């Protein structure tokens, strides 16, 4: 099992995980480290998608993360092919840390 940690430093979609080979996502932890509520969008982007994060590949929309709280996305093993991405954007910068747990398939 592998962990990938990413701090969202701005409000643009940020790649928090890139599959190497075929990998399964087991959990995604989204942690708000500030005293202000934040909203996040999560995207699963196919490597063939040239447009990147958008409504066509959004899997969570305006997910409210309370101040100093963590939301855990526990999936039934989301399988990603080589170079597929998980991207996350937040409505405020420097508030969110995303940890993705994955395993090779």
N, C-alpha and C. Protein backbone atom coordinates (compact mmCIF):
# COMPACT_ATOMS: atom_id res chain seq x y z
N UNK A 1 0.85 -1.18 0.00
CA UNK A 1 0.00 0.00 0.00
C UNK A 1 0.89 1.23 0.00
N UNK A 2 0.44 2.27 -0.68
CA UNK A 2 1.22 3.49 -0.79
C UNK A 2 0.37 4.70 -0.40
N UNK A 3 1.03 5.70 0.14
CA UNK A 3 0.37 6.96 0.50
C UNK A 3 0.94 8.09 -0.32
N UNK A 4 0.05 8.99 -0.75
CA UNK A 4 0.45 10.21 -1.44
C UNK A 4 -0.20 11.37 -0.71
N UNK A 5 0.62 12.34 -0.25
CA UNK A 5 0.11 13.51 0.47
C UNK A 5 0.31 14.76 -0.37
N UNK A 6 -0.72 15.60 -0.44
CA UNK A 6 -0.64 16.83 -1.23
C UNK A 6 -1.34 17.95 -0.48
N UNK A 7 -0.66 19.10 -0.37
CA UNK A 7 -1.25 20.32 0.19
C UNK A 7 -1.77 21.15 -0.98
N UNK A 8 -3.05 21.57 -0.92
CA UNK A 8 -3.62 22.42 -1.97
C UNK A 8 -3.23 23.86 -1.67
N UNK A 9 -2.33 24.41 -2.48
CA UNK A 9 -1.80 25.75 -2.20
C UNK A 9 -2.57 26.87 -2.89
N UNK A 10 -3.47 26.51 -3.79
CA UNK A 10 -4.31 27.53 -4.44
C UNK A 10 -5.71 26.96 -4.65
N UNK A 11 -6.53 27.65 -5.41
CA UNK A 11 -7.92 27.22 -5.59
C UNK A 11 -8.16 26.54 -6.94
N UNK A 12 -7.10 26.25 -7.67
CA UNK A 12 -7.21 25.55 -8.95
C UNK A 12 -7.21 24.04 -8.73
N UNK A 13 -7.77 23.27 -9.66
CA UNK A 13 -7.68 21.81 -9.54
C UNK A 13 -6.21 21.39 -9.46
N UNK A 14 -5.91 20.54 -8.50
CA UNK A 14 -4.54 20.08 -8.25
C UNK A 14 -4.51 18.56 -8.32
N UNK A 15 -3.54 18.04 -9.04
CA UNK A 15 -3.38 16.59 -9.10
C UNK A 15 -2.85 16.10 -7.77
N UNK A 16 -3.62 15.19 -7.13
CA UNK A 16 -3.22 14.64 -5.84
C UNK A 16 -2.79 13.18 -5.97
N UNK A 17 -3.05 12.58 -7.15
CA UNK A 17 -2.63 11.20 -7.38
C UNK A 17 -2.56 10.94 -8.88
N UNK A 18 -1.47 10.29 -9.29
CA UNK A 18 -1.32 9.84 -10.67
C UNK A 18 -1.01 8.34 -10.63
N UNK A 19 -1.82 7.55 -11.30
CA UNK A 19 -1.62 6.10 -11.31
C UNK A 19 -0.38 5.75 -12.11
N UNK A 20 0.40 4.81 -11.56
CA UNK A 20 1.55 4.24 -12.25
C UNK A 20 1.21 2.77 -12.46
N UNK A 21 0.97 2.41 -13.70
CA UNK A 21 0.42 1.08 -13.96
C UNK A 21 -1.03 1.09 -13.54
N UNK A 22 -1.57 -0.07 -13.25
CA UNK A 22 -2.96 -0.13 -12.78
C UNK A 22 -2.93 -0.13 -11.25
N UNK A 23 -3.66 0.82 -10.64
CA UNK A 23 -3.69 0.95 -9.19
C UNK A 23 -5.13 1.12 -8.71
N UNK A 24 -5.36 0.68 -7.48
CA UNK A 24 -6.67 0.84 -6.85
C UNK A 24 -6.55 1.87 -5.74
N UNK A 25 -7.49 2.79 -5.70
CA UNK A 25 -7.58 3.76 -4.61
C UNK A 25 -8.40 3.11 -3.51
N UNK A 26 -7.85 3.07 -2.30
CA UNK A 26 -8.58 2.46 -1.18
C UNK A 26 -9.29 3.52 -0.34
N UNK A 27 -8.62 4.63 -0.06
CA UNK A 27 -9.25 5.74 0.65
C UNK A 27 -8.64 7.06 0.21
N UNK A 28 -9.42 8.12 0.39
CA UNK A 28 -8.94 9.48 0.20
C UNK A 28 -9.33 10.25 1.45
N UNK A 29 -8.35 10.82 2.14
CA UNK A 29 -8.60 11.64 3.33
C UNK A 29 -8.42 13.10 2.93
N UNK A 30 -9.43 13.91 3.22
CA UNK A 30 -9.38 15.33 2.92
C UNK A 30 -9.45 16.07 4.24
N UNK A 31 -8.36 16.73 4.61
CA UNK A 31 -8.22 17.35 5.92
C UNK A 31 -8.18 18.87 5.80
N UNK A 32 -9.07 19.53 6.52
CA UNK A 32 -9.09 20.99 6.60
C UNK A 32 -8.29 21.38 7.84
N UNK A 33 -7.16 22.00 7.64
CA UNK A 33 -6.26 22.33 8.74
C UNK A 33 -6.44 23.75 9.26
N UNK A 34 -7.52 24.41 8.85
CA UNK A 34 -7.74 25.80 9.26
C UNK A 34 -8.99 25.93 10.12
N UNK A 35 -9.22 27.11 10.64
CA UNK A 35 -10.41 27.40 11.43
C UNK A 35 -11.58 27.88 10.61
N UNK A 36 -11.49 27.75 9.28
CA UNK A 36 -12.54 28.19 8.36
C UNK A 36 -13.08 26.99 7.58
N UNK A 37 -14.39 26.90 7.43
CA UNK A 37 -14.97 25.84 6.61
C UNK A 37 -14.49 25.97 5.17
N UNK A 38 -14.36 24.83 4.49
CA UNK A 38 -13.92 24.82 3.10
C UNK A 38 -14.82 23.89 2.30
N UNK A 39 -14.92 24.16 1.01
CA UNK A 39 -15.65 23.29 0.10
C UNK A 39 -14.67 22.76 -0.94
N UNK A 40 -14.78 21.46 -1.25
CA UNK A 40 -13.88 20.87 -2.23
C UNK A 40 -14.66 20.13 -3.30
N UNK A 41 -14.06 20.06 -4.47
CA UNK A 41 -14.55 19.24 -5.58
C UNK A 41 -13.48 18.19 -5.86
N UNK A 42 -13.91 16.97 -6.15
CA UNK A 42 -13.00 15.88 -6.44
C UNK A 42 -13.31 15.34 -7.83
N UNK A 43 -12.25 15.07 -8.61
CA UNK A 43 -12.38 14.65 -9.99
C UNK A 43 -11.57 13.37 -10.23
N UNK A 44 -12.11 12.44 -11.01
CA UNK A 44 -11.38 11.27 -11.48
C UNK A 44 -11.18 11.46 -12.99
N UNK A 45 -9.95 11.71 -13.39
CA UNK A 45 -9.66 12.12 -14.76
C UNK A 45 -8.96 10.98 -15.51
N UNK A 46 -9.60 10.51 -16.57
CA UNK A 46 -9.04 9.48 -17.43
C UNK A 46 -7.83 10.06 -18.16
N UNK A 47 -6.79 9.27 -18.33
CA UNK A 47 -5.58 9.76 -19.00
C UNK A 47 -5.83 10.18 -20.44
N UNK A 48 -6.90 9.70 -21.06
CA UNK A 48 -7.25 10.10 -22.43
C UNK A 48 -8.03 11.40 -22.49
N UNK A 49 -8.41 11.95 -21.34
CA UNK A 49 -9.22 13.17 -21.29
C UNK A 49 -8.31 14.39 -21.39
N UNK A 50 -8.37 15.07 -22.51
CA UNK A 50 -7.49 16.22 -22.73
C UNK A 50 -8.00 17.50 -22.07
N UNK A 51 -9.23 17.48 -21.55
CA UNK A 51 -9.79 18.69 -20.96
C UNK A 51 -9.48 18.82 -19.47
N UNK A 52 -9.09 17.74 -18.80
CA UNK A 52 -8.77 17.79 -17.38
C UNK A 52 -10.01 17.84 -16.51
N UNK A 53 -9.84 18.33 -15.27
CA UNK A 53 -10.93 18.36 -14.29
C UNK A 53 -12.09 19.20 -14.80
N UNK A 54 -13.30 18.66 -14.63
CA UNK A 54 -14.50 19.38 -15.04
C UNK A 54 -15.74 18.61 -14.66
N UNK A 55 -16.89 19.12 -15.04
CA UNK A 55 -18.16 18.50 -14.67
C UNK A 55 -18.30 17.07 -15.20
N UNK A 56 -17.66 16.76 -16.31
CA UNK A 56 -17.79 15.43 -16.90
C UNK A 56 -17.08 14.33 -16.10
N UNK A 57 -16.14 14.71 -15.22
CA UNK A 57 -15.43 13.69 -14.45
C UNK A 57 -15.42 14.01 -12.94
N UNK A 58 -16.35 14.83 -12.52
CA UNK A 58 -16.46 15.20 -11.12
C UNK A 58 -17.15 14.08 -10.34
N UNK A 59 -16.54 13.66 -9.22
CA UNK A 59 -17.14 12.58 -8.43
C UNK A 59 -17.65 13.08 -7.07
N UNK A 60 -17.20 14.24 -6.62
CA UNK A 60 -17.75 14.91 -5.43
C UNK A 60 -17.83 16.40 -5.76
N UNK A 61 -18.97 17.01 -5.42
CA UNK A 61 -19.20 18.42 -5.73
C UNK A 61 -19.49 19.21 -4.46
N UNK A 62 -18.73 20.28 -4.27
CA UNK A 62 -18.93 21.20 -3.14
C UNK A 62 -19.05 20.44 -1.82
N UNK A 63 -18.14 19.50 -1.62
CA UNK A 63 -18.09 18.71 -0.39
C UNK A 63 -17.61 19.62 0.74
N UNK A 64 -18.47 19.85 1.72
CA UNK A 64 -18.16 20.77 2.83
C UNK A 64 -17.28 20.06 3.86
N UNK A 65 -16.10 20.64 4.11
CA UNK A 65 -15.18 20.14 5.12
C UNK A 65 -15.14 21.20 6.23
N UNK A 66 -15.66 20.84 7.38
CA UNK A 66 -15.71 21.78 8.51
C UNK A 66 -14.30 22.15 8.95
N UNK A 67 -14.20 23.28 9.65
CA UNK A 67 -12.90 23.72 10.15
C UNK A 67 -12.28 22.65 11.03
N UNK A 68 -10.98 22.43 10.85
CA UNK A 68 -10.20 21.46 11.64
C UNK A 68 -10.85 20.08 11.66
N UNK A 69 -11.36 19.64 10.52
CA UNK A 69 -12.01 18.34 10.42
C UNK A 69 -11.46 17.60 9.21
N UNK A 70 -11.75 16.30 9.15
CA UNK A 70 -11.32 15.45 8.04
C UNK A 70 -12.51 14.68 7.51
N UNK A 71 -12.59 14.58 6.18
CA UNK A 71 -13.60 13.77 5.52
C UNK A 71 -12.87 12.60 4.86
N UNK A 72 -13.38 11.39 5.06
CA UNK A 72 -12.76 10.21 4.48
C UNK A 72 -13.66 9.63 3.41
N UNK A 73 -13.11 9.50 2.21
CA UNK A 73 -13.79 8.85 1.11
C UNK A 73 -13.26 7.42 1.08
N UNK A 74 -14.12 6.50 1.41
CA UNK A 74 -13.75 5.09 1.42
C UNK A 74 -14.47 4.42 0.25
N UNK A 75 -13.71 4.01 -0.74
CA UNK A 75 -14.31 3.50 -1.97
C UNK A 75 -14.30 1.98 -2.01
N UNK A 76 -15.06 1.45 -2.92
CA UNK A 76 -15.02 0.03 -3.22
C UNK A 76 -13.91 -0.20 -4.24
N UNK A 77 -12.73 0.26 -3.93
CA UNK A 77 -11.55 0.11 -4.77
C UNK A 77 -11.75 0.70 -6.16
N UNK A 78 -11.56 1.99 -6.26
CA UNK A 78 -11.63 2.66 -7.55
C UNK A 78 -10.35 2.31 -8.32
N UNK A 79 -10.51 1.64 -9.46
CA UNK A 79 -9.37 1.18 -10.26
C UNK A 79 -9.00 2.26 -11.27
N UNK A 80 -7.73 2.63 -11.27
CA UNK A 80 -7.21 3.60 -12.23
C UNK A 80 -6.17 2.93 -13.10
N UNK A 81 -6.20 3.26 -14.40
CA UNK A 81 -5.18 2.78 -15.32
C UNK A 81 -3.99 3.74 -15.30
N UNK A 82 -2.92 3.32 -15.93
CA UNK A 82 -1.70 4.12 -15.98
C UNK A 82 -1.99 5.55 -16.42
N UNK A 83 -1.52 6.50 -15.66
CA UNK A 83 -1.62 7.94 -15.93
C UNK A 83 -2.99 8.55 -15.67
N UNK A 84 -3.98 7.76 -15.21
CA UNK A 84 -5.24 8.36 -14.75
C UNK A 84 -4.95 9.19 -13.51
N UNK A 85 -5.77 10.21 -13.26
CA UNK A 85 -5.51 11.17 -12.19
C UNK A 85 -6.68 11.30 -11.23
N UNK A 86 -6.37 11.65 -9.99
CA UNK A 86 -7.35 12.19 -9.06
C UNK A 86 -6.94 13.64 -8.84
N UNK A 87 -7.88 14.56 -9.07
CA UNK A 87 -7.62 15.98 -8.86
C UNK A 87 -8.63 16.52 -7.85
N UNK A 88 -8.18 17.50 -7.06
CA UNK A 88 -9.03 18.11 -6.04
C UNK A 88 -8.84 19.62 -6.12
N UNK A 89 -9.93 20.36 -5.95
CA UNK A 89 -9.85 21.82 -5.84
C UNK A 89 -10.63 22.25 -4.61
N UNK A 90 -10.17 23.31 -3.98
CA UNK A 90 -10.83 23.86 -2.80
C UNK A 90 -11.17 25.32 -3.04
N UNK A 91 -12.15 25.82 -2.30
CA UNK A 91 -12.55 27.22 -2.49
C UNK A 91 -11.64 28.21 -1.76
N UNK A 92 -10.75 27.72 -0.89
CA UNK A 92 -9.75 28.59 -0.24
C UNK A 92 -8.38 27.92 -0.33
N UNK A 93 -7.34 28.72 -0.43
CA UNK A 93 -6.00 28.17 -0.58
C UNK A 93 -5.36 27.87 0.78
N UNK A 94 -4.41 26.96 0.76
CA UNK A 94 -3.62 26.58 1.94
C UNK A 94 -4.46 26.12 3.12
N UNK A 95 -5.59 25.48 2.85
CA UNK A 95 -6.45 24.98 3.92
C UNK A 95 -6.56 23.47 3.93
N UNK A 96 -6.34 22.84 2.77
CA UNK A 96 -6.67 21.43 2.60
C UNK A 96 -5.42 20.60 2.31
N UNK A 97 -5.33 19.47 3.00
CA UNK A 97 -4.33 18.46 2.71
C UNK A 97 -5.08 17.18 2.31
N UNK A 98 -4.64 16.57 1.21
CA UNK A 98 -5.28 15.36 0.70
C UNK A 98 -4.29 14.21 0.78
N UNK A 99 -4.73 13.11 1.38
CA UNK A 99 -3.92 11.89 1.45
C UNK A 99 -4.67 10.78 0.72
N UNK A 100 -4.00 10.19 -0.27
CA UNK A 100 -4.58 9.11 -1.06
C UNK A 100 -3.84 7.82 -0.72
N UNK A 101 -4.61 6.80 -0.38
CA UNK A 101 -4.05 5.47 -0.14
C UNK A 101 -4.36 4.60 -1.36
N UNK A 102 -3.32 3.93 -1.88
CA UNK A 102 -3.52 3.13 -3.08
C UNK A 102 -2.74 1.82 -2.97
N UNK A 103 -3.10 0.91 -3.87
CA UNK A 103 -2.43 -0.39 -3.94
C UNK A 103 -2.35 -0.81 -5.40
N UNK A 104 -1.24 -1.44 -5.77
CA UNK A 104 -1.09 -1.93 -7.15
C UNK A 104 -2.06 -3.09 -7.38
N UNK A 105 -2.55 -3.15 -8.62
CA UNK A 105 -3.49 -4.22 -8.99
C UNK A 105 -2.78 -5.21 -9.89
